Amino acid sequence: MNVTFALATARRILTQLRHDRRTVAMMVLVPSLLMILLRYVFNTEMAFSAAAPALLAVFPFAIMFIVTSITTLRERTSTTLERLMTMPIGKFDLLLGYAIAFGLVAVVQVAVATAISLTWLGLEIDGSVLLLLLIAMLDALLGTALGLFVSAFARTEFQAVQFMPLIVMPQILLCGLFAPRETMTPVLEWLSNVMPLSYAVEALESVTRSNELGGTFARDLVIVAGSGVLALILGAATLRRRTP
């Protein structure tokens, strides 16, 4: 791993994003707008506080997945990636640079959504706000890493979007947002247990309910962070120079 190459890639991506204000606005503002919509759908702070922590994981995860998968595919189809890989830069360095750039955007995205939820929308938590931010940021980074990974298997932007119902939607349905995981059938519970979003939601709900966090919370953090790193490694292993 070459940190210099990774940082140079991150700087290039951030420069491109600076000139694409609509994409930046979507990444930063859409989760907050969805949280605001959710608050007025429930129309009570109590119901909002019960559902909001899980969705602070779901919304950034889904949005960062879509944006990063499409962006990486566009770089490959435009031969930008092919030109970069003629240089002495490793595949993992390249994807790490993407992860750093989009990760910084994810930090802003999650910070804005969390701040609005805790102040204007009346979200109440018993645990640490900093831990809430940390988990939500790790989940956004997980979405980024998975988006980078699946972009290697798409040939068009439409195909990249099609990975969302395959990769993202099952995790949303089985993460415990709609029903407790332990009440699911054994097969669905097993599937839920191998999906990293389930652990992000579990960690956020733990922070919301209590200020005393134990080994389960630490395990959830390790699984979410480790899944992101694993997705980057697999993405580097399957990355192609360009799409035929």
Protein backbone atom coordinates (compact mmCIF):
# COMPACT_ATOMS: atom_id res chain seq x y z
CA MET A 1 0.00 0.00 0.00
CA ASN A 2 1.35 3.42 -1.00
CA VAL A 3 -0.25 6.22 1.02
CA THR A 4 1.07 8.91 -1.36
CA PHE A 5 -0.73 7.38 -4.35
CA ALA A 6 -3.92 6.90 -2.33
CA LEU A 7 -3.93 10.53 -1.16
CA ALA A 8 -3.23 11.78 -4.68
CA THR A 9 -6.23 9.80 -5.95
CA ALA A 10 -8.40 11.15 -3.16
CA ARG A 11 -7.34 14.71 -4.00
CA ARG A 12 -8.24 14.16 -7.67
CA ILE A 13 -11.69 12.81 -6.83
CA LEU A 14 -12.40 15.65 -4.41
CA THR A 15 -11.39 18.17 -7.09
CA GLN A 16 -13.83 16.55 -9.52
CA LEU A 17 -16.59 16.57 -6.92
CA ARG A 18 -16.02 20.24 -6.24
CA HIS A 19 -17.08 20.94 -9.83
CA ASP A 20 -20.11 18.63 -9.61
CA ARG A 21 -22.26 20.51 -7.14
CA ARG A 22 -25.43 18.57 -7.84
CA THR A 23 -23.79 15.26 -6.88
CA VAL A 24 -22.30 16.76 -3.74
CA ALA A 25 -25.65 18.29 -2.80
CA MET A 26 -27.36 14.95 -3.28
CA MET A 27 -24.84 13.08 -1.15
CA VAL A 28 -24.84 15.62 1.67
CA LEU A 29 -28.45 16.77 1.78
CA VAL A 30 -30.60 13.80 0.73
CA PRO A 31 -30.19 11.81 4.01
CA SER A 32 -31.16 14.93 5.99
CA LEU A 33 -34.18 15.57 3.77
CA LEU A 34 -35.28 11.97 4.19
CA MET A 35 -34.93 12.25 7.98
CA ILE A 36 -37.05 15.41 7.93
CA LEU A 37 -39.68 13.65 5.83
CA LEU A 38 -39.66 10.70 8.23
CA ARG A 39 -40.14 12.99 11.22
CA TYR A 40 -43.29 14.51 9.79
CA VAL A 41 -44.59 11.15 8.58
CA PHE A 42 -44.55 9.91 12.19
CA ASN A 43 -45.57 13.35 13.49
CA THR A 44 -44.38 12.54 17.03
CA GLU A 45 -40.90 12.75 18.54
CA MET A 46 -41.33 9.42 20.35
CA ALA A 47 -42.06 7.42 17.20
CA PHE A 48 -39.32 9.27 15.31
CA SER A 49 -36.75 8.51 18.03
CA ALA A 50 -37.62 4.82 17.80
CA ALA A 51 -37.06 4.57 14.03
CA ALA A 52 -34.47 7.28 13.31
CA PRO A 53 -31.29 5.57 14.64
CA ALA A 54 -31.64 2.64 12.24
CA LEU A 55 -32.31 4.97 9.33
CA LEU A 56 -29.22 7.02 10.16
CA ALA A 57 -27.42 3.85 9.09
CA VAL A 58 -29.65 2.92 6.15
CA PHE A 59 -29.85 6.23 4.26
CA PRO A 60 -26.09 7.04 4.08
CA PHE A 61 -25.29 3.40 3.33
CA ALA A 62 -27.66 3.27 0.34
CA ILE A 63 -26.75 6.68 -1.08
CA MET A 64 -22.98 6.19 -0.87
CA PHE A 65 -23.36 2.75 -2.48
CA ILE A 66 -25.14 4.21 -5.51
CA VAL A 67 -22.85 7.21 -5.98
CA THR A 68 -19.55 5.36 -5.65
CA SER A 69 -20.55 2.42 -7.87
CA ILE A 70 -21.65 4.74 -10.69
CA THR A 71 -18.67 7.10 -10.32
CA THR A 72 -16.12 4.28 -10.45
CA LEU A 73 -17.83 2.72 -13.47
CA ARG A 74 -17.83 6.07 -15.27
CA GLU A 75 -14.08 6.42 -14.70
CA ARG A 76 -13.52 2.99 -16.22
CA THR A 77 -15.74 3.50 -19.25
CA SER A 78 -14.14 6.89 -19.96
CA THR A 79 -10.66 5.18 -19.93
CA THR A 80 -9.56 7.37 -16.99
CA LEU A 81 -8.93 4.27 -14.94
CA GLU A 82 -6.97 2.66 -17.77
CA ARG A 83 -4.66 5.66 -17.99
CA LEU A 84 -4.14 5.74 -14.25
CA MET A 85 -3.22 2.07 -14.13
CA THR A 86 -0.40 2.57 -16.63
CA MET A 87 1.28 4.42 -13.76
CA PRO A 88 2.99 2.65 -10.84
CA ILE A 89 -0.14 2.68 -8.70
CA GLY A 90 -1.63 -0.42 -7.12
CA LYS A 91 -5.29 -1.35 -7.40
CA PHE A 92 -5.76 -1.18 -3.65
CA ASP A 93 -4.09 2.26 -3.54
CA LEU A 94 -6.53 3.43 -6.18
CA LEU A 95 -9.61 2.14 -4.37
CA LEU A 96 -8.31 3.41 -1.05
CA GLY A 97 -8.05 6.87 -2.61
CA TYR A 98 -11.68 6.64 -3.73
CA ALA A 99 -12.68 5.47 -0.25
CA ILE A 100 -10.86 8.38 1.41
CA ALA A 101 -12.47 10.96 -0.90
CA PHE A 102 -15.99 9.63 -0.62
CA GLY A 103 -15.41 8.91 3.06
CA LEU A 104 -14.77 12.59 3.71
CA VAL A 105 -18.03 13.42 1.94
CA ALA A 106 -19.75 10.74 4.03
CA VAL A 107 -18.44 12.37 7.23
CA VAL A 108 -20.10 15.65 6.24
CA GLN A 109 -23.25 13.83 5.13
CA VAL A 110 -23.66 11.96 8.42
CA ALA A 111 -22.72 14.96 10.55
CA VAL A 112 -25.39 17.13 8.90
CA ALA A 113 -28.10 14.44 9.15
CA THR A 114 -27.26 13.69 12.78
CA ALA A 115 -27.13 17.35 13.79
CA ILE A 116 -30.53 18.05 12.20
CA SER A 117 -32.03 14.93 13.80
CA LEU A 118 -30.75 15.78 17.29
CA THR A 119 -31.71 19.45 17.22
CA TRP A 120 -34.56 20.35 14.90
CA LEU A 121 -36.23 16.92 14.67
CA GLY A 122 -36.02 16.05 18.38
CA LEU A 123 -34.15 12.74 18.24
CA GLU A 124 -33.39 11.60 21.78
CA ILE A 125 -30.56 9.20 22.64
CA ASP A 126 -29.28 7.92 25.98
CA GLY A 127 -25.75 7.19 24.79
CA SER A 128 -22.88 9.18 23.32
CA VAL A 129 -23.49 11.46 20.35
CA LEU A 130 -19.90 10.89 19.23
CA LEU A 131 -20.43 7.13 19.14
CA LEU A 132 -23.64 7.66 17.18
CA LEU A 133 -21.67 9.70 14.64
CA LEU A 134 -18.89 7.10 14.52
CA ILE A 135 -21.24 4.22 13.73
CA ALA A 136 -23.16 6.16 11.10
CA MET A 137 -19.89 7.21 9.44
CA LEU A 138 -18.58 3.64 9.43
CA ASP A 139 -21.81 2.55 7.80
CA ALA A 140 -21.54 5.23 5.11
CA LEU A 141 -17.97 4.07 4.47
CA LEU A 142 -19.23 0.50 4.22
CA GLY A 143 -21.67 1.61 1.53
CA THR A 144 -18.77 3.31 -0.26
CA ALA A 145 -16.60 0.20 -0.11
CA LEU A 146 -19.39 -2.08 -1.37
CA GLY A 147 -20.14 0.36 -4.17
CA LEU A 148 -16.49 0.27 -5.25
CA PHE A 149 -16.54 -3.52 -5.13
CA VAL A 150 -19.68 -4.11 -7.21
CA SER A 151 -18.70 -1.52 -9.83
CA ALA A 152 -16.20 -4.08 -11.14
CA PHE A 153 -19.07 -6.31 -12.27
CA ALA A 154 -21.13 -3.70 -14.14
CA ARG A 155 -20.70 -2.64 -17.75
CA THR A 156 -23.14 0.26 -17.75
CA GLU A 157 -24.47 2.74 -15.21
CA PHE A 158 -27.86 1.05 -15.46
CA GLN A 159 -26.29 -2.25 -14.46
CA ALA A 160 -24.55 -0.54 -11.53
CA VAL A 161 -27.92 0.71 -10.28
CA GLN A 162 -29.34 -2.81 -10.64
CA PHE A 163 -26.96 -4.00 -7.94
CA MET A 164 -28.90 -1.94 -5.40
CA PRO A 165 -31.84 -4.39 -5.13
CA LEU A 166 -29.34 -7.25 -5.03
CA ILE A 167 -26.90 -5.88 -2.44
CA VAL A 168 -28.64 -3.05 -0.58
CA MET A 169 -32.34 -3.88 -0.38
CA PRO A 170 -31.98 -7.35 1.24
CA GLN A 171 -29.81 -5.80 3.93
CA ILE A 172 -32.39 -3.08 4.59
CA LEU A 173 -35.20 -5.63 4.82
CA LEU A 174 -33.28 -8.01 7.11
CA CYS A 175 -31.32 -5.58 9.31
CA GLY A 176 -33.99 -5.44 12.02
CA LEU A 177 -35.58 -2.22 10.85
CA PHE A 178 -38.99 -3.76 10.14
CA ALA A 179 -38.95 -6.75 12.49
CA PRO A 180 -36.60 -8.00 15.25
CA ARG A 181 -34.01 -10.30 13.77
CA GLU A 182 -34.54 -12.96 16.43
CA THR A 183 -38.21 -13.35 15.40
CA MET A 184 -37.36 -14.14 11.77
CA THR A 185 -37.37 -17.66 10.37
CA PRO A 186 -34.04 -19.48 10.82
CA VAL A 187 -33.02 -18.97 7.20
CA LEU A 188 -33.75 -15.24 7.25
CA GLU A 189 -32.08 -14.84 10.64
CA TRP A 190 -28.98 -16.56 9.29
CA LEU A 191 -28.95 -14.25 6.26
CA SER A 192 -29.37 -11.27 8.56
CA ASN A 193 -26.43 -12.43 10.66
CA VAL A 194 -24.06 -12.42 7.66
CA MET A 195 -25.09 -8.96 6.47
CA PRO A 196 -22.99 -6.09 7.89
CA LEU A 197 -25.84 -3.54 7.89
CA SER A 198 -27.54 -5.60 10.62
CA TYR A 199 -24.64 -4.91 12.97
CA ALA A 200 -24.59 -1.19 12.16
CA VAL A 201 -28.30 -0.93 13.02
CA GLU A 202 -27.78 -2.98 16.18
CA ALA A 203 -24.94 -0.71 17.29
CA LEU A 204 -26.94 2.46 16.64
CA GLU A 205 -29.90 1.12 18.58
CA SER A 206 -27.57 0.21 21.47
CA VAL A 207 -26.26 3.77 21.63
CA THR A 208 -29.81 5.11 21.53
CA ARG A 209 -31.06 2.94 24.38
CA SER A 210 -28.17 2.98 26.85
CA ASN A 211 -25.00 4.78 27.86
CA GLU A 212 -23.43 1.50 29.04
CA LEU A 213 -22.01 -0.41 26.10
CA GLY A 214 -20.31 -3.78 26.31
CA GLY A 215 -18.70 -6.43 24.16
CA THR A 216 -21.60 -6.72 21.74
CA PHE A 217 -21.26 -3.09 20.76
CA ALA A 218 -17.51 -3.47 20.20
CA ARG A 219 -18.15 -6.59 18.11
CA ASP A 220 -20.63 -4.69 15.95
CA LEU A 221 -18.11 -1.92 15.29
CA VAL A 222 -15.40 -4.42 14.34
CA ILE A 223 -17.74 -6.27 11.96
CA VAL A 224 -18.88 -3.09 10.18
CA ALA A 225 -15.33 -1.73 9.84
CA GLY A 226 -13.92 -5.13 8.86
CA SER A 227 -16.61 -5.62 6.21
CA GLY A 228 -15.63 -2.30 4.65
CA VAL A 229 -11.96 -3.26 4.53
CA LEU A 230 -12.83 -6.69 3.09
CA ALA A 231 -14.96 -5.07 0.38
CA LEU A 232 -12.03 -2.83 -0.59
CA ILE A 233 -9.67 -5.81 -0.77
CA LEU A 234 -12.11 -7.79 -2.92
CA GLY A 235 -12.66 -4.72 -5.07
CA ALA A 236 -8.92 -4.40 -5.66
CA ALA A 237 -8.71 -8.10 -6.55
CA THR A 238 -11.52 -7.85 -9.14
CA LEU A 239 -10.82 -4.36 -10.52
CA ARG A 240 -10.46 -4.20 -14.29
CA ARG A 241 -8.78 -1.43 -16.21
CA ARG A 242 -11.78 -0.70 -18.34
CA THR A 243 -15.20 -2.03 -19.23
CA PRO A 244 -15.31 -3.85 -22.63
